[in-house]
C-alpha cells in the first residue's frame, strides 16, 4: 500500500517556475511526468487543471470574479468566487 503524501503549494510553485523557464514541449512533459507519480488521487486532477491554467473543472459553473479595484492597493484586492 502506497503511503499518501501531500504536495505543498510551494512545491507546485517551484514546478511551475521550472516549466516557465522551458520552451520545449518535451522538456515540459518531462518535468510534469516527474511530479505525477508523487500525487495522490485527490491531488492529480487539481495539479493537472492548475498546470493547464484552469482553476475549476470543466463541469463546474463556478467563476473566479476579480474586482475592478484589484490593482489599486493591496488592501483593496478581492477575489470573489461566484456561481455562474
PDB file of N, CA and C in Angstrom:
ATOM      1  N   UNK A   1       0.844  -1.183   0.000  1.00  0.00           N
ATOM      2  CA  UNK A   1       0.000   0.000   0.000  1.00  0.00           C
ATOM      3  C   UNK A   1       0.889   1.245   0.000  1.00  0.00           C
ATOM      4  N   UNK A   2       0.597   2.164  -0.896  1.00  0.00           N
ATOM      5  CA  UNK A   2       1.383   3.401  -1.019  1.00  0.00           C
ATOM      6  C   UNK A   2       0.994   4.386   0.067  1.00  0.00           C
ATOM      7  N   UNK A   3       1.994   4.936   0.722  1.00  0.00           N
ATOM      8  CA  UNK A   3       1.726   5.955   1.727  1.00  0.00           C
ATOM      9  C   UNK A   3       1.438   7.270   1.012  1.00  0.00           C
ATOM     10  N   UNK A   4       0.301   7.871   1.339  1.00  0.00           N
ATOM     11  CA  UNK A   4      -0.104   9.093   0.675  1.00  0.00           C
ATOM     12  C   UNK A   4       0.604  10.296   1.282  1.00  0.00           C
ATOM     13  N   UNK A   5       1.211  11.090   0.416  1.00  0.00           N
ATOM     14  CA  UNK A   5       1.824  12.332   0.849  1.00  0.00           C
ATOM     15  C   UNK A   5       1.104  13.469   0.150  1.00  0.00           C
ATOM     16  N   UNK A   6       1.233  14.652   0.675  1.00  0.00           N
ATOM     17  CA  UNK A   6       0.566  15.808   0.094  1.00  0.00           C
ATOM     18  C   UNK A   6       1.596  16.740  -0.517  1.00  0.00           C
ATOM     19  N   UNK A   7       1.243  17.241  -1.701  1.00  0.00           N
ATOM     20  CA  UNK A   7       2.109  18.223  -2.345  1.00  0.00           C
ATOM     21  C   UNK A   7       1.781  19.581  -1.757  1.00  0.00           C
ATOM     22  N   UNK A   8       2.792  20.271  -1.283  1.00  0.00           N
ATOM     23  CA  UNK A   8       2.602  21.615  -0.769  1.00  0.00           C
ATOM     24  C   UNK A   8       2.530  22.590  -1.939  1.00  0.00           C
ATOM     25  N   UNK A   9       1.840  23.696  -1.738  1.00  0.00           N
ATOM     26  CA  UNK A   9       1.700  24.663  -2.814  1.00  0.00           C
ATOM     27  C   UNK A   9       3.068  25.214  -3.242  1.00  0.00           C
ATOM     28  N   UNK A  10       3.995  25.329  -2.306  1.00  0.00           N
ATOM     29  CA  UNK A  10       5.337  25.820  -2.653  1.00  0.00           C
ATOM     30  C   UNK A  10       6.021  24.853  -3.612  1.00  0.00           C
ATOM     31  N   UNK A  11       5.770  23.564  -3.448  1.00  0.00           N
ATOM     32  CA  UNK A  11       6.336  22.570  -4.368  1.00  0.00           C
ATOM     33  C   UNK A  11       5.711  22.727  -5.756  1.00  0.00           C
ATOM     34  N   UNK A  12       4.409  22.952  -5.786  1.00  0.00           N
ATOM     35  CA  UNK A  12       3.729  23.185  -7.057  1.00  0.00           C
ATOM     36  C   UNK A  12       4.280  24.450  -7.714  1.00  0.00           C
ATOM     37  N   UNK A  13       4.481  25.473  -6.920  1.00  0.00           N
ATOM     38  CA  UNK A  13       5.005  26.736  -7.420  1.00  0.00           C
ATOM     39  C   UNK A  13       6.391  26.553  -8.022  1.00  0.00           C
ATOM     40  N   UNK A  14       7.221  25.782  -7.372  1.00  0.00           N
ATOM     41  CA  UNK A  14       8.573  25.527  -7.890  1.00  0.00           C
ATOM     42  C   UNK A  14       8.517  24.751  -9.208  1.00  0.00           C
ATOM     43  N   UNK A  15       7.584  23.819  -9.283  1.00  0.00           N
ATOM     44  CA  UNK A  15       7.399  23.075 -10.529  1.00  0.00           C
ATOM     45  C   UNK A  15       6.999  24.042 -11.651  1.00  0.00           C
ATOM     46  N   UNK A  16       6.100  24.957 -11.361  1.00  0.00           N
ATOM     47  CA  UNK A  16       5.673  25.944 -12.353  1.00  0.00           C
ATOM     48  C   UNK A  16       6.826  26.850 -12.764  1.00  0.00           C
ATOM     49  N   UNK A  17       7.673  27.202 -11.828  1.00  0.00           N
ATOM     50  CA  UNK A  17       8.847  28.022 -12.161  1.00  0.00           C
ATOM     51  C   UNK A  17       9.771  27.278 -13.115  1.00  0.00           C
ATOM     52  N   UNK A  18       9.947  25.973 -12.866  1.00  0.00           N
ATOM     53  CA  UNK A  18      10.777  25.178 -13.782  1.00  0.00           C
ATOM     54  C   UNK A  18      10.145  25.151 -15.173  1.00  0.00           C
ATOM     55  N   UNK A  19       8.830  24.968 -15.221  1.00  0.00           N
ATOM     56  CA  UNK A  19       8.117  24.935 -16.503  1.00  0.00           C
ATOM     57  C   UNK A  19       8.222  26.266 -17.233  1.00  0.00           C
ATOM     58  N   UNK A  20       8.133  27.328 -16.491  1.00  0.00           N
ATOM     59  CA  UNK A  20       8.187  28.670 -17.067  1.00  0.00           C
ATOM     60  C   UNK A  20       9.519  28.923 -17.783  1.00  0.00           C
ATOM     61  N   UNK A  21      10.566  28.316 -17.295  1.00  0.00           N
ATOM     62  CA  UNK A  21      11.879  28.509 -17.885  1.00  0.00           C
ATOM     63  C   UNK A  21      12.150  27.621 -19.093  1.00  0.00           C
ATOM     64  N   UNK A  22      11.186  26.791 -19.466  1.00  0.00           N
ATOM     65  CA  UNK A  22      11.377  25.871 -20.581  1.00  0.00           C
ATOM     66  C   UNK A  22      10.601  26.330 -21.809  1.00  0.00           C
ATOM     67  N   UNK A  23      11.163  26.082 -22.971  1.00  0.00           N
ATOM     68  CA  UNK A  23      10.438  26.414 -24.191  1.00  0.00           C
ATOM     69  C   UNK A  23      10.034  25.162 -24.962  1.00  0.00           C
ATOM     70  N   UNK A  24      10.742  24.075 -24.722  1.00  0.00           N
ATOM     71  CA  UNK A  24      10.449  22.841 -25.442  1.00  0.00           C
ATOM     72  C   UNK A  24       9.331  22.043 -24.799  1.00  0.00           C
ATOM     73  N   UNK A  25       8.412  21.592 -25.630  1.00  0.00           N
ATOM     74  CA  UNK A  25       7.274  20.820 -25.133  1.00  0.00           C
ATOM     75  C   UNK A  25       7.718  19.520 -24.463  1.00  0.00           C
ATOM     76  N   UNK A  26       8.678  18.834 -25.043  1.00  0.00           N
ATOM     77  CA  UNK A  26       9.148  17.575 -24.457  1.00  0.00           C
ATOM     78  C   UNK A  26       9.806  17.800 -23.109  1.00  0.00           C
ATOM     79  N   UNK A  27      10.510  18.905 -22.956  1.00  0.00           N
ATOM     80  CA  UNK A  27      11.114  19.238 -21.663  1.00  0.00           C
ATOM     81  C   UNK A  27      10.027  19.470 -20.616  1.00  0.00           C
ATOM     82  N   UNK A  28       8.956  20.147 -21.009  1.00  0.00           N
ATOM     83  CA  UNK A  28       7.833  20.396 -20.092  1.00  0.00           C
ATOM     84  C   UNK A  28       7.175  19.084 -19.684  1.00  0.00           C
ATOM     85  N   UNK A  29       6.984  18.218 -20.658  1.00  0.00           N
ATOM     86  CA  UNK A  29       6.374  16.907 -20.374  1.00  0.00           C
ATOM     87  C   UNK A  29       7.234  16.132 -19.386  1.00  0.00           C
ATOM     88  N   UNK A  30       8.540  16.209 -19.545  1.00  0.00           N
ATOM     89  CA  UNK A  30       9.451  15.508 -18.633  1.00  0.00           C
ATOM     90  C   UNK A  30       9.306  16.023 -17.197  1.00  0.00           C
ATOM     91  N   UNK A  31       9.266  17.346 -17.024  1.00  0.00           N
ATOM     92  CA  UNK A  31       9.115  17.933 -15.681  1.00  0.00           C
ATOM     93  C   UNK A  31       7.790  17.497 -15.059  1.00  0.00           C
ATOM     94  N   UNK A  32       6.723  17.586 -15.815  1.00  0.00           N
ATOM     95  CA  UNK A  32       5.399  17.207 -15.298  1.00  0.00           C
ATOM     96  C   UNK A  32       5.351  15.719 -14.973  1.00  0.00           C
ATOM     97  N   UNK A  33       5.931  14.892 -15.846  1.00  0.00           N
ATOM     98  CA  UNK A  33       5.880  13.443 -15.622  1.00  0.00           C
ATOM     99  C   UNK A  33       6.645  13.022 -14.370  1.00  0.00           C
ATOM    100  N   UNK A  34       7.626  13.814 -13.956  1.00  0.00           N
ATOM    101  CA  UNK A  34       8.342  13.501 -12.709  1.00  0.00           C
ATOM    102  C   UNK A  34       7.489  13.793 -11.478  1.00  0.00           C
ATOM    103  N   UNK A  35       6.559  14.733 -11.591  1.00  0.00           N
ATOM    104  CA  UNK A  35       5.706  15.111 -10.460  1.00  0.00           C
ATOM    105  C   UNK A  35       4.505  14.170 -10.290  1.00  0.00           C
ATOM    106  N   UNK A  36       3.982  13.655 -11.378  1.00  0.00           N
ATOM    107  CA  UNK A  36       2.735  12.886 -11.341  1.00  0.00           C
ATOM    108  C   UNK A  36       2.746  11.677 -10.405  1.00  0.00           C
ATOM    109  N   UNK A  37       3.803  10.861 -10.398  1.00  0.00           N
ATOM    110  CA  UNK A  37       3.765   9.672  -9.534  1.00  0.00           C
ATOM    111  C   UNK A  37       3.645   9.993  -8.040  1.00  0.00           C
ATOM    112  N   UNK A  38       4.063  11.168  -7.607  1.00  0.00           N
ATOM    113  CA  UNK A  38       4.019  11.526  -6.195  1.00  0.00           C
ATOM    114  C   UNK A  38       2.691  12.126  -5.749  1.00  0.00           C
ATOM    115  N   UNK A  39       1.757  12.293  -6.675  1.00  0.00           N
ATOM    116  CA  UNK A  39       0.476  12.916  -6.337  1.00  0.00           C
ATOM    117  C   UNK A  39      -0.551  11.888  -5.893  1.00  0.00           C
ATOM    118  N   UNK A  40      -1.398  12.282  -4.976  1.00  0.00           N
ATOM    119  CA  UNK A  40      -2.487  11.409  -4.534  1.00  0.00           C
ATOM    120  C   UNK A  40      -3.614  11.462  -5.562  1.00  0.00           C
ATOM    121  N   UNK A  41      -4.587  10.587  -5.423  1.00  0.00           N
ATOM    122  CA  UNK A  41      -5.744  10.579  -6.326  1.00  0.00           C
ATOM    123  C   UNK A  41      -6.484  11.912  -6.286  1.00  0.00           C
ATOM    124  N   UNK A  42      -6.524  12.530  -5.126  1.00  0.00           N
ATOM    125  CA  UNK A  42      -7.224  13.816  -4.994  1.00  0.00           C
ATOM    126  C   UNK A  42      -6.420  14.970  -5.573  1.00  0.00           C
ATOM    127  N   UNK A  43      -5.103  14.890  -5.475  1.00  0.00           N
ATOM    128  CA  UNK A  43      -4.246  15.974  -5.963  1.00  0.00           C
ATOM    129  C   UNK A  43      -4.098  15.972  -7.477  1.00  0.00           C
ATOM    130  N   UNK A  44      -4.135  14.800  -8.080  1.00  0.00           N
ATOM    131  CA  UNK A  44      -3.865  14.673  -9.507  1.00  0.00           C
ATOM    132  C   UNK A  44      -4.747  15.568 -10.381  1.00  0.00           C
ATOM    133  N   UNK A  45      -6.078  15.529 -10.241  1.00  0.00           N
ATOM    134  CA  UNK A  45      -6.885  16.394 -11.112  1.00  0.00           C
ATOM    135  C   UNK A  45      -6.660  17.883 -10.855  1.00  0.00           C
ATOM    136  N   UNK A  46      -6.384  18.251  -9.621  1.00  0.00           N
ATOM    137  CA  UNK A  46      -6.125  19.654  -9.294  1.00  0.00           C
ATOM    138  C   UNK A  46      -4.810  20.090  -9.921  1.00  0.00           C
ATOM    139  N   UNK A  47      -3.782  19.278  -9.788  1.00  0.00           N
ATOM    140  CA  UNK A  47      -2.476  19.573 -10.379  1.00  0.00           C
ATOM    141  C   UNK A  47      -2.602  19.770 -11.884  1.00  0.00           C
ATOM    142  N   UNK A  48      -3.282  18.846 -12.544  1.00  0.00           N
ATOM    143  CA  UNK A  48      -3.434  18.913 -13.999  1.00  0.00           C
ATOM    144  C   UNK A  48      -4.187  20.176 -14.404  1.00  0.00           C
ATOM    145  N   UNK A  49      -5.282  20.472 -13.711  1.00  0.00           N
ATOM    146  CA  UNK A  49      -6.046  21.696 -14.029  1.00  0.00           C
ATOM    147  C   UNK A  49      -5.186  22.935 -13.853  1.00  0.00           C
ATOM    148  N   UNK A  50      -4.462  23.023 -12.747  1.00  0.00           N
ATOM    149  CA  UNK A  50      -3.632  24.197 -12.475  1.00  0.00           C
ATOM    150  C   UNK A  50      -2.525  24.347 -13.515  1.00  0.00           C
ATOM    151  N   UNK A  51      -1.873  23.250 -13.881  1.00  0.00           N
ATOM    152  CA  UNK A  51      -0.802  23.316 -14.875  1.00  0.00           C
ATOM    153  C   UNK A  51      -1.361  23.761 -16.228  1.00  0.00           C
ATOM    154  N   UNK A  52      -2.614  23.412 -16.496  1.00  0.00           N
ATOM    155  CA  UNK A  52      -3.252  23.810 -17.750  1.00  0.00           C
ATOM    156  C   UNK A  52      -3.820  25.230 -17.675  1.00  0.00           C
ATOM    157  N   UNK A  53      -3.684  25.864 -16.514  1.00  0.00           N
ATOM    158  CA  UNK A  53      -4.146  27.237 -16.369  1.00  0.00           C
ATOM    159  C   UNK A  53      -5.617  27.370 -16.034  1.00  0.00           C
ATOM    160  N   UNK A  54      -6.210  26.291 -15.554  1.00  0.00           N
ATOM    161  CA  UNK A  54      -7.618  26.329 -15.167  1.00  0.00           C
ATOM    162  C   UNK A  54      -7.721  26.142 -13.661  1.00  0.00           C
ATOM    163  N   UNK A  55      -8.744  26.733 -13.084  1.00  0.00           N
ATOM    164  CA  UNK A  55      -8.935  26.603 -11.643  1.00  0.00           C
ATOM    165  C   UNK A  55     -10.036  25.604 -11.336  1.00  0.00           C
ATOM    166  N   UNK A  56     -11.131  25.706 -12.045  1.00  0.00           N
ATOM    167  CA  UNK A  56     -12.289  24.855 -11.800  1.00  0.00           C
ATOM    168  C   UNK A  56     -12.387  23.766 -12.862  1.00  0.00           C
ATOM    169  N   UNK A  57     -12.970  22.606 -12.509  1.00  0.00           N
ATOM    170  CA  UNK A  57     -13.156  21.549 -13.501  1.00  0.00           C
ATOM    171  C   UNK A  57     -14.121  22.015 -14.604  1.00  0.00           C
ATOM    172  N   UNK A  58     -14.052  21.371 -15.760  1.00  0.00           N
ATOM    173  CA  UNK A  58     -14.896  21.758 -16.890  1.00  0.00           C
ATOM    174  C   UNK A  58     -16.384  21.699 -16.556  1.00  0.00           C
ATOM    175  N   UNK A  59     -16.775  20.760 -15.716  1.00  0.00           N
ATOM    176  CA  UNK A  59     -18.198  20.602 -15.410  1.00  0.00           C
ATOM    177  C   UNK A  59     -18.710  21.661 -14.434  1.00  0.00           C
ATOM    178  N   UNK A  60     -17.821  22.371 -13.791  1.00  0.00           N
ATOM    179  CA  UNK A  60     -18.212  23.357 -12.783  1.00  0.00           C
ATOM    180  C   UNK A  60     -18.695  24.648 -13.434  1.00  0.00           C
ATOM    181  N   UNK A  61     -19.713  25.240 -12.847  1.00  0.00           N
ATOM    182  CA  UNK A  61     -20.211  26.529 -13.316  1.00  0.00           C
ATOM    183  C   UNK A  61     -19.612  27.678 -12.503  1.00  0.00           C
ATOM    184  N   UNK A  62     -18.743  27.352 -11.563  1.00  0.00           N
ATOM    185  CA  UNK A  62     -18.126  28.383 -10.724  1.00  0.00           C
ATOM    186  C   UNK A  62     -17.228  29.276 -11.574  1.00  0.00           C
ATOM    187  N   UNK A  63     -17.188  30.519 -11.225  1.00  0.00           N
ATOM    188  CA  UNK A  63     -16.349  31.504 -11.917  1.00  0.00           C
ATOM    189  C   UNK A  63     -15.508  32.229 -10.874  1.00  0.00           C
ATOM    190  N   UNK A  64     -14.352  32.673 -11.293  1.00  0.00           N
ATOM    191  CA  UNK A  64     -13.499  33.449 -10.427  1.00  0.00           C
ATOM    192  C   UNK A  64     -13.648  34.897 -10.864  1.00  0.00           C
ATOM    193  N   UNK A  65     -14.301  35.694 -10.019  1.00  0.00           N
ATOM    194  CA  UNK A  65     -14.500  37.093 -10.348  1.00  0.00           C
ATOM    195  C   UNK A  65     -13.443  37.926  -9.651  1.00  0.00           C
ATOM    196  N   UNK A  66     -12.876  38.850 -10.363  1.00  0.00           N
ATOM    197  CA  UNK A  66     -11.858  39.715  -9.780  1.00  0.00           C
ATOM    198  C   UNK A  66     -12.405  41.124  -9.797  1.00  0.00           C
ATOM    199  N   UNK A  67     -12.438  41.755  -8.639  1.00  0.00           N
ATOM    200  CA  UNK A  67     -12.993  43.090  -8.506  1.00  0.00           C
ATOM    201  C   UNK A  67     -12.240  44.117  -9.334  1.00  0.00           C
ATOM    202  N   UNK A  68     -12.905  45.186  -9.768  1.00  0.00           N
ATOM    203  CA  UNK A  68     -12.275  46.195 -10.619  1.00  0.00           C
ATOM    204  C   UNK A  68     -11.175  46.984  -9.921  1.00  0.00           C
ATOM    205  N   UNK A  69     -11.139  46.974  -8.611  1.00  0.00           N
ATOM    206  CA  UNK A  69     -10.132  47.729  -7.871  1.00  0.00           C
ATOM    207  C   UNK A  69      -8.902  46.897  -7.532  1.00  0.00           C
ATOM    208  N   UNK A  70      -8.757  45.777  -8.172  1.00  0.00           N
ATOM    209  CA  UNK A  70      -7.683  44.840  -7.832  1.00  0.00           C
ATOM    210  C   UNK A  70      -6.305  45.491  -7.859  1.00  0.00           C
ATOM    211  N   UNK A  71      -6.029  46.324  -8.825  1.00  0.00           N
ATOM    212  CA  UNK A  71      -4.697  46.877  -8.963  1.00  0.00           C
ATOM    213  C   UNK A  71      -4.418  48.128  -8.153  1.00  0.00           C
ATOM    214  N   UNK A  72      -5.403  48.688  -7.465  1.00  0.00           N
ATOM    215  CA  UNK A  72      -5.203  49.966  -6.784  1.00  0.00           C
ATOM    216  C   UNK A  72      -4.288  49.858  -5.573  1.00  0.00           C
ATOM    217  N   UNK A  73      -4.658  49.097  -4.590  1.00  0.00           N
ATOM    218  CA  UNK A  73      -3.805  48.890  -3.417  1.00  0.00           C
ATOM    219  C   UNK A  73      -4.001  47.479  -2.914  1.00  0.00           C
ATOM    220  N   UNK A  74      -3.026  46.987  -2.183  1.00  0.00           N
ATOM    221  CA  UNK A  74      -3.143  45.624  -1.670  1.00  0.00           C
ATOM    222  C   UNK A  74      -4.286  45.496  -0.679  1.00  0.00           C
ATOM    223  N   UNK A  75      -4.670  46.583  -0.022  1.00  0.00           N
ATOM    224  CA  UNK A  75      -5.766  46.496   0.951  1.00  0.00           C
ATOM    225  C   UNK A  75      -7.126  46.402   0.273  1.00  0.00           C
ATOM    226  N   UNK A  76      -7.199  46.719  -1.015  1.00  0.00           N
ATOM    227  CA  UNK A  76      -8.496  46.653  -1.703  1.00  0.00           C
ATOM    228  C   UNK A  76      -8.606  45.451  -2.616  1.00  0.00           C
ATOM    229  N   UNK A  77      -7.595  44.599  -2.629  1.00  0.00           N
ATOM    230  CA  UNK A  77      -7.650  43.434  -3.513  1.00  0.00           C
ATOM    231  C   UNK A  77      -8.709  42.457  -3.048  1.00  0.00           C
ATOM    232  N   UNK A  78      -9.469  41.950  -4.030  1.00  0.00           N
ATOM    233  CA  UNK A  78     -10.513  40.983  -3.733  1.00  0.00           C
ATOM    234  C   UNK A  78     -10.570  39.910  -4.808  1.00  0.00           C
ATOM    235  N   UNK A  79     -10.723  38.690  -4.364  1.00  0.00           N
ATOM    236  CA  UNK A  79     -11.038  37.595  -5.257  1.00  0.00           C
ATOM    237  C   UNK A  79     -12.388  37.076  -4.816  1.00  0.00           C
ATOM    238  N   UNK A  80     -13.319  37.059  -5.718  1.00  0.00           N
ATOM    239  CA  UNK A  80     -14.670  36.668  -5.366  1.00  0.00           C
ATOM    240  C   UNK A  80     -15.075  35.480  -6.201  1.00  0.00           C
ATOM    241  N   UNK A  81     -15.460  34.401  -5.546  1.00  0.00           N
ATOM    242  CA  UNK A  81     -15.975  33.250  -6.267  1.00  0.00           C
ATOM    243  C   UNK A  81     -17.478  33.409  -6.340  1.00  0.00           C
ATOM    244  N   UNK A  82     -18.009  33.280  -7.548  1.00  0.00           N
ATOM    245  CA  UNK A  82     -19.447  33.385  -7.703  1.00  0.00           C
ATOM    246  C   UNK A  82     -19.953  32.301  -8.639  1.00  0.00           C
ATOM    247  N   UNK A  83     -21.148  31.785  -8.356  1.00  0.00           N
ATOM    248  CA  UNK A  83     -21.706  30.798  -9.268  1.00  0.00           C
ATOM    249  C   UNK A  83     -22.051  31.462 -10.582  1.00  0.00           C
ATOM    250  N   UNK A  84     -22.005  30.712 -11.648  1.00  0.00           N
ATOM    251  CA  UNK A  84     -22.307  31.280 -12.975  1.00  0.00           C
ATOM    252  C   UNK A  84     -23.767  31.606 -13.112  1.00  0.00           C
TER     253      UNK A  84
END
